[in-house]
Amino acid sequence: MLKRFNRNNFKFVTAMLAVMWLVHIFTSVTSIPLTQFGLVPLSQSRLYGIITYPFIHSDWQHLIGNTLGLLISGFLASQLTYFKRATAVIFVLTGLLVWLFASYANHIGASGIVMGYFGFIMGSAVFRRNIVSFVIAAALLAITHYFQINLFGTLFSFDATTSVSSHLFGFISGVIAAYLFRCANFGVDKK
């Protein structure tokens, strides 16, 4: 079905994870909080948070939860053509939408990226309408069901410690990326 496993794209996902883990280890070892690199909506002095906030996590549980989600959704999304371009769209658009429209808080964590990949995979199945996109979407749903991860439920999780804005805007950004790259073929990402 897929031409071959795209290691280069998945290395990109593991590199993002490595940065997240190194940042959290640094924070844990030095006790220097890096939450000032989070994203605060409409704060011009915190615009850099659009890029930095996915790499900051509140605790080990937060990091491990996002790691599992990023490994699953990132692995499957990394097998799609234009994955790196879609990642750029998801990264910047999610951060921008959170900065513009989210409630005032310090938003941190990679869940917006996880949900962006989820939206990219589901959007690809809808917009590309081929067997491979449906298989990848079905695989994501089957794996998350097996591990009891409710991706649809997290879109509307109103837990006080969860940034529903990051989840929702990440998903929307992923769907937009899928729409933008809807005519792309599956296989190795050469772009």
C-alpha atoms as a PDB file:
ATOM      1  CA  MET A   1       0.000   0.000   0.000  1.00  0.00           C
ATOM      2  CA  LEU A   2       2.553   2.565   1.069  1.00  0.00           C
ATOM      3  CA  LYS A   3       5.673   2.557  -1.041  1.00  0.00           C
ATOM      4  CA  ARG A   4       7.828   2.192   2.061  1.00  0.00           C
ATOM      5  CA  PHE A   5       8.132   3.346   5.622  1.00  0.00           C
ATOM      6  CA  ASN A   6       9.233   6.979   5.575  1.00  0.00           C
ATOM      7  CA  ARG A   7      12.032   7.066   8.137  1.00  0.00           C
ATOM      8  CA  ASN A   8      13.049  10.658   7.415  1.00  0.00           C
ATOM      9  CA  ASN A   9       9.622  12.018   8.260  1.00  0.00           C
ATOM     10  CA  PHE A  10       9.393   9.919  11.402  1.00  0.00           C
ATOM     11  CA  LYS A  11      12.886  11.106  12.419  1.00  0.00           C
ATOM     12  CA  PHE A  12      11.407  14.603  12.317  1.00  0.00           C
ATOM     13  CA  VAL A  13       8.746  13.510  14.845  1.00  0.00           C
ATOM     14  CA  THR A  14      11.342  11.867  17.084  1.00  0.00           C
ATOM     15  CA  ALA A  15      13.499  15.010  16.909  1.00  0.00           C
ATOM     16  CA  MET A  16      10.543  17.090  18.160  1.00  0.00           C
ATOM     17  CA  LEU A  17      10.040  14.573  20.961  1.00  0.00           C
ATOM     18  CA  ALA A  18      13.734  14.677  21.852  1.00  0.00           C
ATOM     19  CA  VAL A  19      13.591  18.461  22.210  1.00  0.00           C
ATOM     20  CA  MET A  20      10.479  18.199  24.426  1.00  0.00           C
ATOM     21  CA  TRP A  21      12.157  15.613  26.653  1.00  0.00           C
ATOM     22  CA  LEU A  22      15.431  17.556  26.867  1.00  0.00           C
ATOM     23  CA  VAL A  23      13.560  20.730  27.811  1.00  0.00           C
ATOM     24  CA  HIS A  24      11.628  18.895  30.518  1.00  0.00           C
ATOM     25  CA  ILE A  25      14.733  17.136  31.865  1.00  0.00           C
ATOM     26  CA  PHE A  26      16.513  20.508  31.973  1.00  0.00           C
ATOM     27  CA  THR A  27      13.587  21.997  33.892  1.00  0.00           C
ATOM     28  CA  SER A  28      13.518  19.067  36.321  1.00  0.00           C
ATOM     29  CA  VAL A  29      17.266  19.032  36.962  1.00  0.00           C
ATOM     30  CA  THR A  30      17.782  22.791  37.268  1.00  0.00           C
ATOM     31  CA  SER A  31      14.402  23.707  38.770  1.00  0.00           C
ATOM     32  CA  ILE A  32      14.335  26.598  36.324  1.00  0.00           C
ATOM     33  CA  PRO A  33      10.738  26.930  35.175  1.00  0.00           C
ATOM     34  CA  LEU A  34      10.424  27.467  31.434  1.00  0.00           C
ATOM     35  CA  THR A  35       6.714  28.208  31.500  1.00  0.00           C
ATOM     36  CA  GLN A  36       7.523  31.795  30.508  1.00  0.00           C
ATOM     37  CA  PHE A  37       7.984  30.303  27.032  1.00  0.00           C
ATOM     38  CA  GLY A  38       4.323  29.295  26.952  1.00  0.00           C
ATOM     39  CA  LEU A  39       1.764  31.016  24.762  1.00  0.00           C
ATOM     40  CA  VAL A  40      -0.345  33.791  26.295  1.00  0.00           C
ATOM     41  CA  PRO A  41      -3.190  34.905  24.002  1.00  0.00           C
ATOM     42  CA  LEU A  42      -3.012  38.456  22.674  1.00  0.00           C
ATOM     43  CA  SER A  43       0.228  39.152  24.537  1.00  0.00           C
ATOM     44  CA  GLN A  44       2.600  40.827  22.106  1.00  0.00           C
ATOM     45  CA  SER A  45       5.514  40.181  24.430  1.00  0.00           C
ATOM     46  CA  ARG A  46       4.756  36.437  24.257  1.00  0.00           C
ATOM     47  CA  LEU A  47       4.413  36.056  20.482  1.00  0.00           C
ATOM     48  CA  TYR A  48       7.420  33.703  20.542  1.00  0.00           C
ATOM     49  CA  GLY A  49       5.117  31.279  22.368  1.00  0.00           C
ATOM     50  CA  ILE A  50       3.516  30.430  19.015  1.00  0.00           C
ATOM     51  CA  ILE A  51       6.685  28.429  18.299  1.00  0.00           C
ATOM     52  CA  THR A  52       7.895  27.486  21.796  1.00  0.00           C
ATOM     53  CA  TYR A  53       4.766  26.432  23.678  1.00  0.00           C
ATOM     54  CA  PRO A  54       4.542  22.846  22.308  1.00  0.00           C
ATOM     55  CA  PHE A  55       7.950  22.074  23.796  1.00  0.00           C
ATOM     56  CA  ILE A  56       7.030  23.057  27.384  1.00  0.00           C
ATOM     57  CA  HIS A  57       5.127  20.645  29.671  1.00  0.00           C
ATOM     58  CA  SER A  58       3.817  21.089  33.190  1.00  0.00           C
ATOM     59  CA  ASP A  59       4.911  17.714  34.584  1.00  0.00           C
ATOM     60  CA  TRP A  60       6.022  14.209  33.633  1.00  0.00           C
ATOM     61  CA  GLN A  61       2.455  12.944  33.208  1.00  0.00           C
ATOM     62  CA  HIS A  62       1.700  15.784  30.785  1.00  0.00           C
ATOM     63  CA  LEU A  63       4.866  15.035  28.792  1.00  0.00           C
ATOM     64  CA  ILE A  64       4.312  11.264  28.714  1.00  0.00           C
ATOM     65  CA  GLY A  65       0.685  11.683  27.594  1.00  0.00           C
ATOM     66  CA  ASN A  66       1.711  13.960  24.736  1.00  0.00           C
ATOM     67  CA  THR A  67       4.622  11.667  23.864  1.00  0.00           C
ATOM     68  CA  LEU A  68       2.303   8.693  23.384  1.00  0.00           C
ATOM     69  CA  GLY A  69      -0.130  10.775  21.308  1.00  0.00           C
ATOM     70  CA  LEU A  70       2.675  12.254  19.219  1.00  0.00           C
ATOM     71  CA  LEU A  71       4.257   8.856  18.591  1.00  0.00           C
ATOM     72  CA  ILE A  72       0.981   7.387  17.355  1.00  0.00           C
ATOM     73  CA  SER A  73      -0.432  10.290  15.364  1.00  0.00           C
ATOM     74  CA  GLY A  74       3.016  11.480  14.274  1.00  0.00           C
ATOM     75  CA  PHE A  75       4.024   8.058  12.982  1.00  0.00           C
ATOM     76  CA  LEU A  76       0.877   7.685  10.891  1.00  0.00           C
ATOM     77  CA  ALA A  77       0.878  11.287   9.663  1.00  0.00           C
ATOM     78  CA  SER A  78       4.565  11.004   8.775  1.00  0.00           C
ATOM     79  CA  GLN A  79       3.679   8.428   6.138  1.00  0.00           C
ATOM     80  CA  LEU A  80       1.684  10.987   4.163  1.00  0.00           C
ATOM     81  CA  THR A  81       3.150  13.087   1.389  1.00  0.00           C
ATOM     82  CA  TYR A  82       3.795  16.721   2.299  1.00  0.00           C
ATOM     83  CA  PHE A  83       4.067  15.766   5.967  1.00  0.00           C
ATOM     84  CA  LYS A  84       6.753  18.361   6.739  1.00  0.00           C
ATOM     85  CA  ARG A  85       4.810  21.131   5.041  1.00  0.00           C
ATOM     86  CA  ALA A  86       1.655  20.035   6.844  1.00  0.00           C
ATOM     87  CA  THR A  87       3.598  20.076  10.126  1.00  0.00           C
ATOM     88  CA  ALA A  88       4.646  23.672   9.468  1.00  0.00           C
ATOM     89  CA  VAL A  89       1.032  24.658   8.766  1.00  0.00           C
ATOM     90  CA  ILE A  90      -0.198  22.840  11.884  1.00  0.00           C
ATOM     91  CA  PHE A  91       2.545  24.296  14.096  1.00  0.00           C
ATOM     92  CA  VAL A  92       2.142  27.939  13.064  1.00  0.00           C
ATOM     93  CA  LEU A  93      -1.621  28.001  12.472  1.00  0.00           C
ATOM     94  CA  THR A  94      -2.433  26.273  15.768  1.00  0.00           C
ATOM     95  CA  GLY A  95      -0.226  28.698  17.688  1.00  0.00           C
ATOM     96  CA  LEU A  96      -1.634  31.695  15.845  1.00  0.00           C
ATOM     97  CA  LEU A  97      -5.257  30.637  16.424  1.00  0.00           C
ATOM     98  CA  VAL A  98      -4.580  29.990  20.115  1.00  0.00           C
ATOM     99  CA  TRP A  99      -2.863  33.373  20.391  1.00  0.00           C
ATOM    100  CA  LEU A 100      -5.789  35.126  18.685  1.00  0.00           C
ATOM    101  CA  PHE A 101      -8.833  33.340  20.103  1.00  0.00           C
ATOM    102  CA  ALA A 102      -8.027  31.273  23.208  1.00  0.00           C
ATOM    103  CA  SER A 103      -8.953  32.262  26.714  1.00  0.00           C
ATOM    104  CA  TYR A 104      -6.338  34.139  28.702  1.00  0.00           C
ATOM    105  CA  ALA A 105      -3.964  31.570  30.208  1.00  0.00           C
ATOM    106  CA  ASN A 106      -0.445  30.315  29.749  1.00  0.00           C
ATOM    107  CA  HIS A 107      -0.879  27.584  27.124  1.00  0.00           C
ATOM    108  CA  ILE A 108       1.804  24.871  27.079  1.00  0.00           C
ATOM    109  CA  GLY A 109       2.206  21.343  25.717  1.00  0.00           C
ATOM    110  CA  ALA A 110       2.239  19.470  22.427  1.00  0.00           C
ATOM    111  CA  SER A 111      -1.399  18.389  22.432  1.00  0.00           C
ATOM    112  CA  GLY A 112      -2.249  20.956  19.745  1.00  0.00           C
ATOM    113  CA  ILE A 113       0.309  19.298  17.460  1.00  0.00           C
ATOM    114  CA  VAL A 114      -1.026  15.824  18.327  1.00  0.00           C
ATOM    115  CA  MET A 115      -4.552  16.962  17.487  1.00  0.00           C
ATOM    116  CA  GLY A 116      -3.213  18.684  14.363  1.00  0.00           C
ATOM    117  CA  TYR A 117      -1.866  15.365  13.105  1.00  0.00           C
ATOM    118  CA  PHE A 118      -5.203  13.768  13.993  1.00  0.00           C
ATOM    119  CA  GLY A 119      -6.992  16.410  11.906  1.00  0.00           C
ATOM    120  CA  PHE A 120      -4.472  15.998   9.075  1.00  0.00           C
ATOM    121  CA  ILE A 121      -5.041  12.229   8.960  1.00  0.00           C
ATOM    122  CA  MET A 122      -8.848  12.475   9.169  1.00  0.00           C
ATOM    123  CA  GLY A 123      -8.916  15.368   6.692  1.00  0.00           C
ATOM    124  CA  SER A 124      -6.733  13.423   4.261  1.00  0.00           C
ATOM    125  CA  ALA A 125      -9.216  10.548   4.350  1.00  0.00           C
ATOM    126  CA  VAL A 126     -12.057  12.966   3.553  1.00  0.00           C
ATOM    127  CA  PHE A 127     -10.339  15.128   0.939  1.00  0.00           C
ATOM    128  CA  ARG A 128      -8.149  12.568  -0.827  1.00  0.00           C
ATOM    129  CA  ARG A 129     -10.711   9.751  -0.776  1.00  0.00           C
ATOM    130  CA  ASN A 130      -8.390   6.905  -1.601  1.00  0.00           C
ATOM    131  CA  ILE A 131      -7.876   3.559   0.050  1.00  0.00           C
ATOM    132  CA  VAL A 132      -4.530   4.445   1.607  1.00  0.00           C
ATOM    133  CA  SER A 133      -5.872   7.545   3.361  1.00  0.00           C
ATOM    134  CA  PHE A 134      -8.794   5.521   4.706  1.00  0.00           C
ATOM    135  CA  VAL A 135      -6.457   2.768   5.924  1.00  0.00           C
ATOM    136  CA  ILE A 136      -4.240   5.282   7.748  1.00  0.00           C
ATOM    137  CA  ALA A 137      -7.289   6.956   9.339  1.00  0.00           C
ATOM    138  CA  ALA A 138      -8.721   3.568  10.329  1.00  0.00           C
ATOM    139  CA  ALA A 139      -5.348   2.544  11.784  1.00  0.00           C
ATOM    140  CA  LEU A 140      -5.267   5.706  13.904  1.00  0.00           C
ATOM    141  CA  LEU A 141      -8.767   5.064  15.210  1.00  0.00           C
ATOM    142  CA  ALA A 142      -8.009   1.383  15.908  1.00  0.00           C
ATOM    143  CA  ILE A 143      -4.735   2.119  17.719  1.00  0.00           C
ATOM    144  CA  THR A 144      -6.218   4.889  19.840  1.00  0.00           C
ATOM    145  CA  HIS A 145      -9.205   2.674  20.664  1.00  0.00           C
ATOM    146  CA  TYR A 146      -6.865  -0.150  21.695  1.00  0.00           C
ATOM    147  CA  PHE A 147      -4.869   2.157  23.972  1.00  0.00           C
ATOM    148  CA  GLN A 148      -8.118   3.777  25.171  1.00  0.00           C
ATOM    149  CA  ILE A 149      -7.162   7.223  23.923  1.00  0.00           C
ATOM    150  CA  ASN A 150     -10.249   9.231  23.072  1.00  0.00           C
ATOM    151  CA  LEU A 151      -9.046  11.732  20.495  1.00  0.00           C
ATOM    152  CA  PHE A 152     -12.547  12.919  19.643  1.00  0.00           C
ATOM    153  CA  GLY A 153     -13.304  13.374  23.340  1.00  0.00           C
ATOM    154  CA  THR A 154     -10.226  15.539  23.874  1.00  0.00           C
ATOM    155  CA  LEU A 155     -11.505  17.989  21.271  1.00  0.00           C
ATOM    156  CA  PHE A 156     -14.117  19.072  23.782  1.00  0.00           C
ATOM    157  CA  SER A 157     -12.460  18.288  27.117  1.00  0.00           C
ATOM    158  CA  PHE A 158     -13.321  21.168  29.410  1.00  0.00           C
ATOM    159  CA  ASP A 159     -11.020  20.069  32.225  1.00  0.00           C
ATOM    160  CA  ALA A 160      -9.544  23.153  33.904  1.00  0.00           C
ATOM    161  CA  THR A 161      -5.998  21.905  33.244  1.00  0.00           C
ATOM    162  CA  THR A 162      -6.601  21.191  29.532  1.00  0.00           C
ATOM    163  CA  SER A 163      -6.265  23.747  26.768  1.00  0.00           C
ATOM    164  CA  VAL A 164      -9.349  22.877  24.759  1.00  0.00           C
ATOM    165  CA  SER A 165      -8.333  25.734  22.470  1.00  0.00           C
ATOM    166  CA  SER A 166      -5.053  24.024  21.570  1.00  0.00           C
ATOM    167  CA  HIS A 167      -6.878  20.761  20.923  1.00  0.00           C
ATOM    168  CA  LEU A 168      -9.623  22.289  18.816  1.00  0.00           C
ATOM    169  CA  PHE A 169      -7.412  24.728  16.893  1.00  0.00           C
ATOM    170  CA  GLY A 170      -4.828  21.986  16.357  1.00  0.00           C
ATOM    171  CA  PHE A 171      -7.461  19.717  14.845  1.00  0.00           C
ATOM    172  CA  ILE A 172      -8.779  22.547  12.647  1.00  0.00           C
ATOM    173  CA  SER A 173      -5.228  23.360  11.526  1.00  0.00           C
ATOM    174  CA  GLY A 174      -4.667  19.717  10.590  1.00  0.00           C
ATOM    175  CA  VAL A 175      -7.860  19.624   8.545  1.00  0.00           C
ATOM    176  CA  ILE A 176      -6.815  22.855   6.800  1.00  0.00           C
ATOM    177  CA  ALA A 177      -3.389  21.327   6.030  1.00  0.00           C
ATOM    178  CA  ALA A 178      -5.107  18.229   4.612  1.00  0.00           C
ATOM    179  CA  TYR A 179      -7.272  20.451   2.439  1.00  0.00           C
ATOM    180  CA  LEU A 180      -4.280  22.477   1.237  1.00  0.00           C
ATOM    181  CA  PHE A 181      -2.398  19.299   0.272  1.00  0.00           C
ATOM    182  CA  ARG A 182      -5.440  17.287  -0.868  1.00  0.00           C
ATOM    183  CA  CYS A 183      -4.152  16.671  -4.393  1.00  0.00           C
ATOM    184  CA  ALA A 184      -0.861  15.222  -3.201  1.00  0.00           C
ATOM    185  CA  ASN A 185      -0.097  11.562  -3.732  1.00  0.00           C
ATOM    186  CA  PHE A 186       0.764   9.244  -0.877  1.00  0.00           C
ATOM    187  CA  GLY A 187       4.186   7.761  -0.480  1.00  0.00           C
ATOM    188  CA  VAL A 188       7.588   9.189   0.221  1.00  0.00           C
ATOM    189  CA  ASP A 189       7.607  12.888   1.029  1.00  0.00           C
ATOM    190  CA  LYS A 190      10.018  14.400  -1.481  1.00  0.00           C
ATOM    191  CA  LYS A 191       8.815  17.960  -0.945  1.00  0.00           C
END
